[in-house]
Amino acid sequence: MSNNRKLISNQLREEIAKELGVYDQVKQDGGWGNVPSKTCGNIVSKAIEIANRAAQNS
C-alpha cells in the first residue's frame, strides 16, 4: 500500500540524515532503500522533535 503524502520534506529528511551521519550512505546507495529501519525511525523522531520545538516557539 503506497501513500503519496509526504510527512517530511525531502530537504528536512536530508538535513537530518546529514546530522545523523547517514546521508553519505543514502547518496552512495542511490536512495533510501538500504537505510536501516532504526535509522529511519531516528530521522522521524528528530523531525517530530523539530516540529514540536517550532510549535512551542510560535
C-alpha atoms as a PDB file:
ATOM      1  CA  MET A   1       0.000   0.000   0.000  1.00  0.00           C
ATOM      2  CA  SER A   2       1.609   3.250  -1.138  1.00  0.00           C
ATOM      3  CA  ASN A   3       0.928   6.601   0.439  1.00  0.00           C
ATOM      4  CA  ASN A   4       1.857   9.583  -1.724  1.00  0.00           C
ATOM      5  CA  ARG A   5       1.575  12.137   1.075  1.00  0.00           C
ATOM      6  CA  LYS A   6       4.924  13.365   2.305  1.00  0.00           C
ATOM      7  CA  LEU A   7       5.030  13.988   6.008  1.00  0.00           C
ATOM      8  CA  ILE A   8       8.662  15.096   5.955  1.00  0.00           C
ATOM      9  CA  SER A   9      10.051  17.235   3.150  1.00  0.00           C
ATOM     10  CA  ASN A  10      12.999  15.851   1.238  1.00  0.00           C
ATOM     11  CA  GLN A  11      15.099  18.801   2.367  1.00  0.00           C
ATOM     12  CA  LEU A  12      14.380  18.198   6.057  1.00  0.00           C
ATOM     13  CA  ARG A  13      14.945  14.466   5.698  1.00  0.00           C
ATOM     14  CA  GLU A  14      18.316  15.081   4.023  1.00  0.00           C
ATOM     15  CA  GLU A  15      19.345  17.636   6.677  1.00  0.00           C
ATOM     16  CA  ILE A  16      18.529  15.202   9.475  1.00  0.00           C
ATOM     17  CA  ALA A  17      20.318  12.364   7.648  1.00  0.00           C
ATOM     18  CA  LYS A  18      23.411  14.570   7.430  1.00  0.00           C
ATOM     19  CA  GLU A  19      23.129  15.341  11.144  1.00  0.00           C
ATOM     20  CA  LEU A  20      22.837  11.624  11.949  1.00  0.00           C
ATOM     21  CA  GLY A  21      25.732  10.765   9.630  1.00  0.00           C
ATOM     22  CA  VAL A  22      23.826   8.561   7.159  1.00  0.00           C
ATOM     23  CA  TYR A  23      23.436  10.967   4.242  1.00  0.00           C
ATOM     24  CA  ASP A  24      26.577   9.677   2.506  1.00  0.00           C
ATOM     25  CA  GLN A  25      25.148   6.148   2.603  1.00  0.00           C
ATOM     26  CA  VAL A  26      21.907   7.374   1.028  1.00  0.00           C
ATOM     27  CA  LYS A  27      23.793   9.143  -1.767  1.00  0.00           C
ATOM     28  CA  GLN A  28      26.151   6.203  -2.323  1.00  0.00           C
ATOM     29  CA  ASP A  29      23.306   3.676  -2.497  1.00  0.00           C
ATOM     30  CA  GLY A  30      21.179   5.934  -4.686  1.00  0.00           C
ATOM     31  CA  GLY A  31      18.227   6.149  -2.329  1.00  0.00           C
ATOM     32  CA  TRP A  32      16.699   5.308   0.997  1.00  0.00           C
ATOM     33  CA  GLY A  33      16.102   1.605   0.297  1.00  0.00           C
ATOM     34  CA  ASN A  34      19.194   0.339   2.135  1.00  0.00           C
ATOM     35  CA  VAL A  35      18.944   2.640   5.151  1.00  0.00           C
ATOM     36  CA  PRO A  36      18.136   0.554   8.248  1.00  0.00           C
ATOM     37  CA  SER A  37      14.670   0.975   9.714  1.00  0.00           C
ATOM     38  CA  LYS A  38      16.177   2.039  13.047  1.00  0.00           C
ATOM     39  CA  THR A  39      17.911   4.932  11.293  1.00  0.00           C
ATOM     40  CA  CYS A  40      14.682   5.893   9.523  1.00  0.00           C
ATOM     41  CA  GLY A  41      12.951   5.846  12.902  1.00  0.00           C
ATOM     42  CA  ASN A  42      15.644   8.148  14.282  1.00  0.00           C
ATOM     43  CA  ILE A  43      15.038  10.538  11.387  1.00  0.00           C
ATOM     44  CA  VAL A  44      11.301  10.577  12.120  1.00  0.00           C
ATOM     45  CA  SER A  45      11.942  11.118  15.843  1.00  0.00           C
ATOM     46  CA  LYS A  46      14.226  14.050  15.094  1.00  0.00           C
ATOM     47  CA  ALA A  47      11.642  15.548  12.707  1.00  0.00           C
ATOM     48  CA  ILE A  48       8.973  15.283  15.414  1.00  0.00           C
ATOM     49  CA  GLU A  49      11.319  16.969  17.890  1.00  0.00           C
ATOM     50  CA  ILE A  50      11.915  19.826  15.416  1.00  0.00           C
ATOM     51  CA  ALA A  51       8.165  20.196  14.775  1.00  0.00           C
ATOM     52  CA  ASN A  52       7.406  20.274  18.500  1.00  0.00           C
ATOM     53  CA  ARG A  53      10.020  22.981  19.068  1.00  0.00           C
ATOM     54  CA  ALA A  54       8.604  25.019  16.183  1.00  0.00           C
ATOM     55  CA  ALA A  55       5.077  24.692  17.608  1.00  0.00           C
ATOM     56  CA  GLN A  56       6.235  25.847  21.039  1.00  0.00           C
ATOM     57  CA  ASN A  57       8.017  28.873  19.564  1.00  0.00           C
ATOM     58  CA  SER A  58       5.027  30.063  17.540  1.00  0.00           C
END
